[in-house]
Amino acid sequence: MAHGFTGRVPGLDVTTEREAALERLAVHHEVVRERLGLAGKAYAIGQQVHGREVAIVDAATPFPVPAVDGLITADPGVCLGVYVADCCAVYLVEPERRVIGLLHSGRKGSELGITTAAITRMRDDLGCDPAKMIVQLSPCIRPPHFEIDFAALIAAQARAAGVHQVFDDRVCTATRLDRYYSYRAERGKTGRMLALLALTA
């Protein structure tokens, strides 16, 4: 597997709206994909609407996928991507079946159970065994800088779905503005981190 999580780009002005910030970050994100050896793969992203819908995709899927916050693939020709700035990027890997997933899960998506939905799709549609899956949570906002600990909710949902290997570095984006963007701490005018996940040969 190849995976990555970008941080704040020093000196880049991203005190603007989401789309403008992503345009300014695009070249930096492209460099990261190249460094990870992922530039030749189909770049798979979803619309990210703070919901619980997930899509199973391959290199022929048109991107971005409308109305989804999670993507799953068994295609090594695909690089999954999720943008976050306080929300959690949830990495899912089933190494034996060689199936991966990447989710955008903030407060709404976590409360709606997107992690449960994704694990269920991987199990039912692609034959994955949750007991063999690995789940990793990215840096995200946490109490006392946010009202609820949705990272704990994500981890609990993964374990309830049968995942034994759940990892969380417990880094809060709002307390590390030197390294990460925070939508809450920066009042909505900020950049986005990019989570990446892909199968390799």
Foldseek 3Di string as FASTA:
>chain_A
DFKDKAWDDPPQFQQAAAVVQCVSCVVVVCVVCVVSVNNQAQEEAEPDPLAQDEEEDERPDDPDHYPFFKYKYQYQRYKYKHWDAQWKWKWKAQPVLSMIMIGGHDPSNLVNPNLLVVLVCCCPVRPGDLCRMAMEIDAHAAPPLDDHGSVVSSQVSSVVSPHDHYYYPHHHNLVPVVIHHHCSNSVNRGYIMMIIDGDDD
